[in-house]
Amino acid sequence: MRAAAAGETVLVTDRGRVVAEPIAPRVREGASAAEQRMGEPVRQGLVTPAKLSPRARLPDRLPVAPLADLLHELDDSRADR
């Protein structure tokens, strides 16, 4: 059942004959916009939902460069236009 919930195709057989094919549940009513967009691709097995808890906090990202440096590089790259 976990495999089916993750979007995998699971066949239940009885003496070699397929008798059932459980699928991931449909998107619940009142689901967020993100859940609604991802619901069908998950059901089809095209997308696997993240295992990260929705309550988990991602680590803070450090800036790659100060904004002033990025803007200066952007101006330089556009100077020949």
C-alpha atoms as a PDB file:
ATOM      1  CA  MET A   1       0.000   0.000   0.000  1.00  0.00           C
ATOM      2  CA  ARG A   2       2.896   2.389   0.681  1.00  0.00           C
ATOM      3  CA  ALA A   3       4.151   1.836  -2.858  1.00  0.00           C
ATOM      4  CA  ALA A   4       0.710   2.615  -4.306  1.00  0.00           C
ATOM      5  CA  ALA A   5       0.423   5.731  -2.130  1.00  0.00           C
ATOM      6  CA  ALA A   6       3.793   6.856  -3.499  1.00  0.00           C
ATOM      7  CA  GLY A   7       2.433   6.560  -7.034  1.00  0.00           C
ATOM      8  CA  GLU A   8       3.844   3.182  -8.022  1.00  0.00           C
ATOM      9  CA  THR A   9       1.733   0.706  -9.955  1.00  0.00           C
ATOM     10  CA  VAL A  10       0.850  -2.241  -7.745  1.00  0.00           C
ATOM     11  CA  LEU A  11      -1.013  -5.284  -9.051  1.00  0.00           C
ATOM     12  CA  VAL A  12      -2.818  -7.652  -6.703  1.00  0.00           C
ATOM     13  CA  THR A  13      -3.092 -11.134  -8.159  1.00  0.00           C
ATOM     14  CA  ASP A  14      -5.002 -14.285  -7.336  1.00  0.00           C
ATOM     15  CA  ARG A  15      -3.427 -17.402  -8.826  1.00  0.00           C
ATOM     16  CA  GLY A  16      -1.633 -15.353 -11.470  1.00  0.00           C
ATOM     17  CA  ARG A  17      -4.677 -13.279 -12.489  1.00  0.00           C
ATOM     18  CA  VAL A  18      -4.780  -9.535 -11.714  1.00  0.00           C
ATOM     19  CA  VAL A  19      -7.767  -8.853  -9.448  1.00  0.00           C
ATOM     20  CA  ALA A  20      -7.015  -5.335  -8.163  1.00  0.00           C
ATOM     21  CA  GLU A  21      -4.826  -2.321  -8.781  1.00  0.00           C
ATOM     22  CA  PRO A  22      -4.668   0.058  -5.797  1.00  0.00           C
ATOM     23  CA  ILE A  23      -3.798   3.652  -6.666  1.00  0.00           C
ATOM     24  CA  ALA A  24      -2.801   6.756  -4.712  1.00  0.00           C
ATOM     25  CA  PRO A  25      -5.794   8.625  -3.268  1.00  0.00           C
ATOM     26  CA  ARG A  26      -7.311  11.592  -5.058  1.00  0.00           C
ATOM     27  CA  VAL A  27      -6.536  15.092  -3.818  1.00  0.00           C
ATOM     28  CA  ARG A  28      -8.649  15.859  -0.769  1.00  0.00           C
ATOM     29  CA  GLU A  29     -11.204  18.623  -0.868  1.00  0.00           C
ATOM     30  CA  GLY A  30      -9.864  21.823   0.644  1.00  0.00           C
ATOM     31  CA  ALA A  31      -6.277  20.943  -0.307  1.00  0.00           C
ATOM     32  CA  SER A  32      -3.787  23.758  -0.788  1.00  0.00           C
ATOM     33  CA  ALA A  33      -3.046  25.025  -4.294  1.00  0.00           C
ATOM     34  CA  ALA A  34       0.288  23.178  -4.264  1.00  0.00           C
ATOM     35  CA  GLU A  35      -1.390  19.899  -3.271  1.00  0.00           C
ATOM     36  CA  GLN A  36      -3.964  20.345  -6.023  1.00  0.00           C
ATOM     37  CA  ARG A  37      -1.279  20.952  -8.671  1.00  0.00           C
ATOM     38  CA  MET A  38       0.803  17.974  -7.574  1.00  0.00           C
ATOM     39  CA  GLY A  39      -2.066  15.554  -6.904  1.00  0.00           C
ATOM     40  CA  GLU A  40      -2.520  14.058 -10.369  1.00  0.00           C
ATOM     41  CA  PRO A  41       1.221  13.701 -11.207  1.00  0.00           C
ATOM     42  CA  VAL A  42       1.670  11.872  -7.875  1.00  0.00           C
ATOM     43  CA  ARG A  43      -1.266   9.562  -8.656  1.00  0.00           C
ATOM     44  CA  GLN A  44       0.252   8.799 -12.061  1.00  0.00           C
ATOM     45  CA  GLY A  45       3.636   8.014 -10.527  1.00  0.00           C
ATOM     46  CA  LEU A  46       5.317  10.870 -12.392  1.00  0.00           C
ATOM     47  CA  VAL A  47       6.283  12.695  -9.195  1.00  0.00           C
ATOM     48  CA  THR A  48       7.318  11.405  -5.790  1.00  0.00           C
ATOM     49  CA  PRO A  49       6.372  13.669  -2.868  1.00  0.00           C
ATOM     50  CA  ALA A  50       9.172  14.921  -0.661  1.00  0.00           C
ATOM     51  CA  LYS A  51       9.668  13.043   2.582  1.00  0.00           C
ATOM     52  CA  LEU A  52      10.436  16.273   4.458  1.00  0.00           C
ATOM     53  CA  SER A  53       7.823  17.132   7.063  1.00  0.00           C
ATOM     54  CA  PRO A  54       5.776  20.232   6.174  1.00  0.00           C
ATOM     55  CA  ARG A  55       6.668  21.573   9.611  1.00  0.00           C
ATOM     56  CA  ALA A  56      10.398  21.124   9.109  1.00  0.00           C
ATOM     57  CA  ARG A  57      12.373  24.330   8.759  1.00  0.00           C
ATOM     58  CA  LEU A  58      14.919  24.480   5.990  1.00  0.00           C
ATOM     59  CA  PRO A  59      18.354  25.875   6.863  1.00  0.00           C
ATOM     60  CA  ASP A  60      18.977  29.544   6.169  1.00  0.00           C
ATOM     61  CA  ARG A  61      20.725  30.181   2.868  1.00  0.00           C
ATOM     62  CA  LEU A  62      23.789  32.354   2.742  1.00  0.00           C
ATOM     63  CA  PRO A  63      23.890  34.922  -0.067  1.00  0.00           C
ATOM     64  CA  VAL A  64      26.158  34.017  -2.970  1.00  0.00           C
ATOM     65  CA  ALA A  65      27.375  37.610  -3.285  1.00  0.00           C
ATOM     66  CA  PRO A  66      26.382  41.021  -1.970  1.00  0.00           C
ATOM     67  CA  LEU A  67      23.637  42.688  -4.005  1.00  0.00           C
ATOM     68  CA  ALA A  68      25.904  45.598  -4.932  1.00  0.00           C
ATOM     69  CA  ASP A  69      28.407  43.177  -6.510  1.00  0.00           C
ATOM     70  CA  LEU A  70      25.691  41.395  -8.472  1.00  0.00           C
ATOM     71  CA  LEU A  71      24.280  44.670  -9.793  1.00  0.00           C
ATOM     72  CA  HIS A  72      27.786  45.850 -10.772  1.00  0.00           C
ATOM     73  CA  GLU A  73      28.400  42.593 -12.688  1.00  0.00           C
ATOM     74  CA  LEU A  74      25.027  42.940 -14.393  1.00  0.00           C
ATOM     75  CA  ASP A  75      25.876  46.514 -15.473  1.00  0.00           C
ATOM     76  CA  ASP A  76      29.258  45.334 -16.786  1.00  0.00           C
ATOM     77  CA  SER A  77      27.704  42.520 -18.798  1.00  0.00           C
ATOM     78  CA  ARG A  78      25.245  44.976 -20.394  1.00  0.00           C
ATOM     79  CA  ALA A  79      27.844  47.672 -21.144  1.00  0.00           C
ATOM     80  CA  ASP A  80      28.306  46.564 -24.790  1.00  0.00           C
ATOM     81  CA  ARG A  81      24.613  46.846 -25.629  1.00  0.00           C
END
